N, C-alpha and C. Protein backbone atom coordinates (compact mmCIF):
# COMPACT_ATOMS: atom_id res chain seq x y z
N MET A 1 157.84 121.81 108.21
CA MET A 1 156.68 120.80 108.25
C MET A 1 156.14 120.15 109.22
N ALA A 2 157.43 119.30 109.42
CA ALA A 2 157.46 118.27 109.95
C ALA A 2 158.04 118.38 111.86
N ASP A 3 158.88 119.76 111.44
CA ASP A 3 159.03 120.12 112.73
C ASP A 3 157.80 121.30 113.63
N GLU A 4 156.48 121.65 113.10
CA GLU A 4 155.61 122.28 113.86
C GLU A 4 155.09 121.19 114.62
N GLU A 5 154.79 121.89 115.54
CA GLU A 5 153.89 121.25 116.54
C GLU A 5 151.80 120.92 116.27
N HIS A 6 151.39 119.94 116.45
CA HIS A 6 150.43 119.38 116.13
C HIS A 6 149.73 119.57 117.18
N THR A 7 148.22 120.68 117.03
CA THR A 7 147.21 120.83 118.26
C THR A 7 146.19 120.03 118.05
N ASN A 8 145.30 120.05 119.23
CA ASN A 8 144.35 118.82 118.84
C ASN A 8 143.04 120.57 118.66
N ASP A 9 143.43 121.26 118.77
CA ASP A 9 142.07 122.53 118.49
C ASP A 9 141.54 122.82 116.91
N ALA A 10 140.55 122.06 117.14
CA ALA A 10 139.70 121.96 115.53
C ALA A 10 138.69 123.03 115.77
N CYS A 11 138.56 124.08 116.73
CA CYS A 11 137.94 124.81 116.69
C CYS A 11 138.72 126.10 116.31
N ASP A 12 139.77 126.20 117.34
CA ASP A 12 140.55 127.58 117.02
C ASP A 12 141.89 127.36 116.42
N PRO A 13 142.61 127.84 115.61
CA PRO A 13 144.08 127.50 115.34
C PRO A 13 145.05 128.11 116.31
N GLN A 14 144.57 129.29 116.92
CA GLN A 14 145.56 129.54 117.96
C GLN A 14 145.64 129.20 119.33
N GLY A 15 144.73 127.81 119.68
CA GLY A 15 144.06 127.28 120.67
C GLY A 15 143.08 127.98 121.57
N PRO A 16 142.66 127.41 122.89
CA PRO A 16 142.01 128.02 123.18
C PRO A 16 142.76 128.86 124.43
N PRO A 17 140.94 129.68 124.34
CA PRO A 17 141.61 130.92 125.53
C PRO A 17 142.14 130.51 126.78
N PRO A 18 142.79 131.79 127.15
CA PRO A 18 143.30 131.43 128.19
C PRO A 18 143.00 130.74 129.54
N HIS A 19 141.26 130.85 129.89
CA HIS A 19 141.08 130.15 131.10
C HIS A 19 140.31 128.67 130.90
N LEU A 20 140.61 128.54 129.71
CA LEU A 20 140.20 126.78 129.88
C LEU A 20 141.57 126.03 129.84
N GLY A 21 142.60 126.88 130.01
CA GLY A 21 143.71 125.47 130.69
C GLY A 21 144.26 125.53 129.21
N SER A 22 145.35 124.57 129.34
CA SER A 22 146.06 124.05 128.59
C SER A 22 145.42 123.84 126.28
N ASN A 23 146.21 123.15 125.67
CA ASN A 23 146.39 123.34 124.21
C ASN A 23 145.50 122.14 124.03
N ASP A 24 144.81 120.90 124.84
CA ASP A 24 144.06 119.50 124.69
C ASP A 24 142.44 120.31 124.56
N ALA A 25 141.87 118.66 124.13
CA ALA A 25 140.82 119.11 123.85
C ALA A 25 139.36 119.06 125.11
N THR A 26 140.36 118.95 126.49
CA THR A 26 139.85 118.91 127.50
C THR A 26 139.24 120.27 127.83
N GLY A 27 139.76 120.90 128.07
CA GLY A 27 139.27 122.24 127.99
C GLY A 27 138.28 122.75 127.22
N TYR A 28 137.99 122.81 126.10
CA TYR A 28 136.73 123.01 125.13
C TYR A 28 135.30 121.76 125.42
N LEU A 29 136.09 120.92 125.50
CA LEU A 29 135.32 119.97 126.31
C LEU A 29 134.27 120.65 127.73
N THR A 30 134.98 121.02 128.46
CA THR A 30 134.64 121.63 129.67
C THR A 30 133.77 122.63 129.64
N HIS A 31 134.56 123.81 128.94
CA HIS A 31 133.75 124.66 128.39
C HIS A 31 132.50 124.58 127.36
N PHE A 32 132.45 123.86 126.86
CA PHE A 32 131.07 123.91 126.35
C PHE A 32 130.14 122.87 126.74
N GLY A 33 130.37 122.01 127.44
CA GLY A 33 129.30 121.16 128.80
C GLY A 33 129.08 122.45 129.89
N ASN A 34 129.60 123.08 130.02
CA ASN A 34 129.42 124.16 131.07
C ASN A 34 128.03 125.10 130.16
N GLU A 35 128.47 125.70 129.14
CA GLU A 35 127.51 126.41 128.20
C GLU A 35 126.43 125.85 128.38
N ARG A 36 126.33 124.67 127.22
CA ARG A 36 125.05 123.62 127.31
C ARG A 36 124.59 123.76 128.89
N THR A 37 125.14 123.58 129.74
CA THR A 37 124.11 123.16 130.77
C THR A 37 123.55 124.47 131.46
N PHE A 38 124.16 125.35 131.44
CA PHE A 38 123.64 126.96 131.43
C PHE A 38 122.39 127.58 130.68
N LEU A 39 122.51 127.06 129.30
CA LEU A 39 121.30 126.99 128.62
C LEU A 39 120.48 126.43 128.52
N ALA A 40 120.39 124.91 129.33
CA ALA A 40 119.11 124.21 129.51
C ALA A 40 118.72 124.92 131.22
N TRP A 41 119.32 125.74 131.76
CA TRP A 41 118.94 126.24 133.23
C TRP A 41 117.85 127.39 132.29
N ILE A 42 118.87 128.37 131.56
CA ILE A 42 118.04 129.19 130.49
C ILE A 42 116.58 128.63 130.44
N ARG A 43 116.53 127.97 129.44
CA ARG A 43 115.42 126.83 128.46
C ARG A 43 114.79 126.52 129.69
N THR A 44 114.71 126.04 130.70
CA THR A 44 114.12 125.96 131.72
C THR A 44 113.47 127.01 132.70
N SER A 45 113.86 128.20 132.26
CA SER A 45 113.26 129.35 133.22
C SER A 45 112.12 129.99 131.94
N LEU A 46 113.04 129.82 130.92
CA LEU A 46 111.75 130.59 129.55
C LEU A 46 110.40 129.31 129.61
N ALA A 47 110.40 128.28 129.81
CA ALA A 47 109.43 127.19 129.85
C ALA A 47 108.46 127.94 130.84
N LEU A 48 109.20 128.05 132.57
CA LEU A 48 108.36 128.39 133.30
C LEU A 48 107.62 129.46 133.26
N LEU A 49 108.34 130.97 132.48
CA LEU A 49 107.50 131.84 132.13
C LEU A 49 106.43 131.42 131.23
N ALA A 50 106.89 130.56 130.32
CA ALA A 50 105.58 130.40 128.92
C ALA A 50 104.53 130.28 129.84
N GLY A 51 104.81 128.67 131.02
CA GLY A 51 103.87 128.67 131.90
C GLY A 51 103.00 129.26 132.49
N ALA A 52 103.60 130.53 133.11
CA ALA A 52 102.74 131.60 133.64
C ALA A 52 102.01 132.41 132.75
N LEU A 53 102.41 132.76 131.45
CA LEU A 53 102.12 133.59 131.04
C LEU A 53 100.18 132.80 130.92
N ALA A 54 100.65 131.31 130.23
CA ALA A 54 99.41 130.72 129.82
C ALA A 54 98.61 130.53 131.00
N VAL A 55 99.04 130.03 132.34
CA VAL A 55 97.81 130.06 133.15
C VAL A 55 97.16 131.85 133.67
N ALA A 56 97.94 133.20 133.37
CA ALA A 56 97.58 134.30 133.38
C ALA A 56 96.73 134.42 132.39
N GLN A 57 96.54 134.16 131.19
CA GLN A 57 96.12 134.12 129.90
C GLN A 57 94.49 133.52 129.90
N PHE A 58 94.59 132.30 130.37
CA PHE A 58 93.36 131.55 130.60
C PHE A 58 92.18 131.70 131.82
N PRO A 59 91.46 133.40 131.82
CA PRO A 59 90.49 133.25 133.21
C PRO A 59 89.92 132.19 133.89
N ARG A 60 88.92 131.37 132.62
CA ARG A 60 88.39 130.33 133.49
C ARG A 60 88.99 129.23 134.12
N VAL A 61 90.68 128.98 133.77
CA VAL A 61 91.34 128.28 134.73
C VAL A 61 90.84 127.91 135.93
N ALA A 62 91.09 128.74 136.66
CA ALA A 62 90.77 128.94 138.48
C ALA A 62 90.16 130.60 138.76
N PRO A 63 90.09 130.28 140.10
CA PRO A 63 89.90 131.83 140.36
C PRO A 63 90.71 132.53 140.39
N PRO A 64 90.34 134.24 140.32
CA PRO A 64 91.47 134.89 140.14
C PRO A 64 92.69 134.95 141.49
N GLY A 65 92.16 134.47 142.66
CA GLY A 65 93.38 135.13 143.58
C GLY A 65 94.56 133.40 143.25
N LEU A 66 93.89 132.41 143.18
CA LEU A 66 94.61 131.20 143.04
C LEU A 66 95.41 131.65 141.13
N ARG A 67 95.06 132.07 140.96
CA ARG A 67 95.66 132.14 139.19
C ARG A 67 96.96 133.28 139.58
N ALA A 68 96.32 134.27 140.22
CA ALA A 68 97.43 135.20 140.88
C ALA A 68 98.77 134.90 141.67
N ALA A 69 98.55 133.39 142.27
CA ALA A 69 99.12 132.63 143.52
C ALA A 69 100.17 131.71 141.89
N VAL A 70 99.71 131.27 141.49
CA VAL A 70 100.29 130.55 140.21
C VAL A 70 101.33 131.02 139.64
N VAL A 71 100.73 132.36 138.68
CA VAL A 71 101.59 133.14 137.87
C VAL A 71 102.96 133.55 138.85
N TYR A 72 102.31 133.59 140.27
CA TYR A 72 104.22 134.44 140.83
C TYR A 72 104.97 133.27 140.84
N TYR A 73 104.12 132.41 141.49
CA TYR A 73 105.11 131.33 142.22
C TYR A 73 105.78 130.87 141.02
N LEU A 74 105.21 130.89 139.66
CA LEU A 74 105.73 130.25 138.57
C LEU A 74 106.84 131.64 137.76
N ILE A 75 106.48 132.62 137.79
CA ILE A 75 107.53 133.89 137.81
C ILE A 75 108.96 133.67 138.58
N ALA A 76 108.77 133.80 139.88
CA ALA A 76 109.78 133.42 141.26
C ALA A 76 110.59 131.87 140.75
N LEU A 77 109.92 131.06 140.47
CA LEU A 77 110.92 130.13 139.68
C LEU A 77 111.45 130.11 138.49
N ALA A 78 111.19 130.86 138.00
CA ALA A 78 111.80 131.14 136.34
C ALA A 78 113.35 132.17 136.60
N VAL A 79 112.75 133.07 137.64
CA VAL A 79 113.91 133.71 137.66
C VAL A 79 115.12 133.11 138.86
N GLY A 80 114.61 132.53 139.51
CA GLY A 80 115.47 132.09 140.52
C GLY A 80 115.80 130.57 139.35
N ALA A 81 115.78 129.97 138.35
CA ALA A 81 116.57 129.49 137.84
C ALA A 81 117.58 130.02 136.91
N ALA A 82 116.86 130.70 136.33
CA ALA A 82 117.63 131.64 135.46
C ALA A 82 119.28 132.61 136.62
N GLY A 83 118.88 133.13 137.67
CA GLY A 83 120.13 133.38 138.43
C GLY A 83 120.99 132.18 138.95
N ALA A 84 120.23 130.41 139.32
CA ALA A 84 120.96 129.83 139.44
C ALA A 84 121.51 129.04 138.54
N GLY A 85 121.48 129.37 137.08
CA GLY A 85 121.64 128.97 136.57
C GLY A 85 123.16 129.59 135.85
N TYR A 86 123.27 131.10 136.05
CA TYR A 86 124.07 132.09 135.90
C TYR A 86 125.15 131.91 137.05
N TRP A 87 124.44 131.70 138.16
CA TRP A 87 125.39 131.06 139.38
C TRP A 87 126.53 130.06 139.12
N PHE A 88 125.60 128.78 139.10
CA PHE A 88 126.92 127.68 138.73
C PHE A 88 127.15 128.12 137.25
N TRP A 89 126.87 128.36 136.18
CA TRP A 89 127.66 128.58 135.38
C TRP A 89 129.67 129.47 135.49
N ARG A 90 128.76 130.47 136.21
CA ARG A 90 130.48 130.97 136.90
C ARG A 90 131.06 130.93 138.02
N LEU A 91 130.16 129.56 138.60
CA LEU A 91 131.72 129.21 139.76
C LEU A 91 132.10 127.84 138.85
N ARG A 92 131.30 127.04 137.76
CA ARG A 92 131.87 126.14 136.97
C ARG A 92 133.10 126.78 136.26
N GLN A 93 132.79 128.06 135.65
CA GLN A 93 133.96 128.65 135.18
C GLN A 93 135.54 128.81 135.81
N LYS A 94 134.68 129.39 137.26
CA LYS A 94 136.16 129.49 137.81
C LYS A 94 136.80 128.18 138.45
N GLY A 95 136.00 127.38 138.68
CA GLY A 95 136.55 125.78 138.66
C GLY A 95 137.38 124.97 137.80
N ALA A 96 137.38 125.78 136.60
CA ALA A 96 137.91 125.50 135.30
C ALA A 96 139.31 125.75 135.41
N ARG A 97 139.38 127.18 135.83
CA ARG A 97 140.25 127.62 136.24
C ARG A 97 141.44 127.46 137.28
N SER A 98 140.64 127.26 138.34
CA SER A 98 141.38 126.89 139.60
C SER A 98 140.93 125.27 140.04
N ALA A 99 141.56 124.58 141.23
CA ALA A 99 140.68 123.64 141.36
C ALA A 99 140.72 123.49 142.79
N GLY A 100 139.81 122.67 143.03
CA GLY A 100 138.85 122.65 144.49
C GLY A 100 137.70 123.78 144.41
N SER A 101 137.23 124.52 143.71
CA SER A 101 135.85 125.24 143.62
C SER A 101 134.57 124.15 143.83
N ARG A 102 134.01 124.61 145.12
CA ARG A 102 133.04 123.40 145.33
C ARG A 102 132.01 124.10 145.10
N MET A 103 130.72 123.48 144.64
CA MET A 103 129.37 123.84 144.11
C MET A 103 128.47 124.49 145.73
N PRO A 104 128.01 125.34 145.76
CA PRO A 104 127.23 125.71 146.49
C PRO A 104 126.24 125.35 147.01
N VAL A 105 126.23 124.51 148.43
CA VAL A 105 124.79 123.93 149.04
C VAL A 105 123.72 124.74 149.22
N GLN A 106 123.86 125.96 149.52
CA GLN A 106 123.47 127.15 149.89
C GLN A 106 122.08 127.31 148.48
N ALA A 107 122.72 127.39 147.64
CA ALA A 107 121.48 127.73 146.22
C ALA A 107 120.97 126.45 146.35
N ILE A 108 121.34 125.38 146.20
CA ILE A 108 120.60 124.47 145.85
C ILE A 108 119.49 124.42 146.81
N LEU A 109 120.31 124.40 148.42
CA LEU A 109 118.67 124.19 148.83
C LEU A 109 117.90 125.46 149.21
N ALA A 110 118.20 126.91 148.77
CA ALA A 110 117.20 127.82 148.53
C ALA A 110 116.11 127.62 147.38
N LEU A 111 116.76 127.10 146.06
CA LEU A 111 115.80 126.75 144.90
C LEU A 111 114.45 125.37 145.51
N ALA A 112 115.61 124.42 146.06
CA ALA A 112 114.22 123.31 146.90
C ALA A 112 113.74 123.84 147.39
N LEU A 113 114.16 124.87 148.53
CA LEU A 113 112.71 125.64 149.27
C LEU A 113 112.22 126.39 148.69
N LEU A 114 112.66 126.85 147.51
CA LEU A 114 111.42 127.92 146.46
C LEU A 114 110.21 127.02 146.08
N ALA A 115 110.79 125.71 145.68
CA ALA A 115 109.81 124.58 145.14
C ALA A 115 109.09 124.44 145.80
N LEU A 116 109.41 123.47 147.05
CA LEU A 116 108.76 122.97 147.74
C LEU A 116 107.63 124.13 148.81
N VAL A 117 107.71 125.11 148.60
CA VAL A 117 106.82 125.95 149.23
C VAL A 117 105.64 126.50 148.70
N GLY A 118 106.00 126.90 147.65
CA GLY A 118 105.71 127.49 146.56
C GLY A 118 104.27 126.43 146.33
N PRO A 119 104.25 125.78 146.08
CA PRO A 119 102.92 124.68 146.35
C PRO A 119 101.86 124.71 147.49
N VAL A 120 102.85 124.47 148.52
CA VAL A 120 102.04 124.86 150.03
C VAL A 120 101.73 125.82 150.12
N VAL A 121 102.12 127.16 149.58
CA VAL A 121 101.36 128.52 149.89
C VAL A 121 100.17 128.47 149.06
N ILE A 122 100.09 127.86 147.86
CA ILE A 122 99.14 127.65 147.05
C ILE A 122 98.24 127.33 147.57
N VAL A 123 98.14 125.62 147.95
CA VAL A 123 97.40 125.06 148.62
C VAL A 123 96.75 125.82 149.92
N ILE A 124 97.38 126.86 150.43
CA ILE A 124 96.55 127.71 151.39
C ILE A 124 95.83 128.63 151.23
N ALA A 125 96.53 128.93 150.30
CA ALA A 125 95.64 130.24 149.46
C ALA A 125 94.25 129.34 148.49
N VAL A 126 94.52 128.60 148.26
CA VAL A 126 93.16 127.49 147.39
C VAL A 126 92.07 127.65 148.97
N ARG A 127 92.72 127.29 149.81
CA ARG A 127 91.80 127.13 151.20
C ARG A 127 91.13 128.01 151.90
N LEU A 128 91.57 129.17 151.58
CA LEU A 128 91.19 130.39 152.20
C LEU A 128 90.36 130.87 151.44
N LEU A 129 90.14 131.24 150.28
CA LEU A 129 89.34 131.22 148.80
C LEU A 129 88.06 131.09 149.19
């Protein structure tokens, strides 16, 4: 028993999956941190969908055209957030396996553009009504 190598893997006695790297806790911490971040993106997406449903269900909140614009905007943001969460999760998983992986600036800019252009379109729609 004294000759056996002691590992620090409390989660799995056989060690981490091959894509996590060596037999230390750092691989697990990186993997689980990545999972938590992905789940945060999904929670945000679900909250945006719940907001879209709430706006759609209350007809007295705003005129029908404005309500539809807000609902479609929130749905587009929800889909974008879920897609971005998956994309970032996949890139971080690849980055954990290989050094030198970078986050795509295009994806961040696309989400920022969607988040900024949507309210402008809604304001224009309100003025046209």
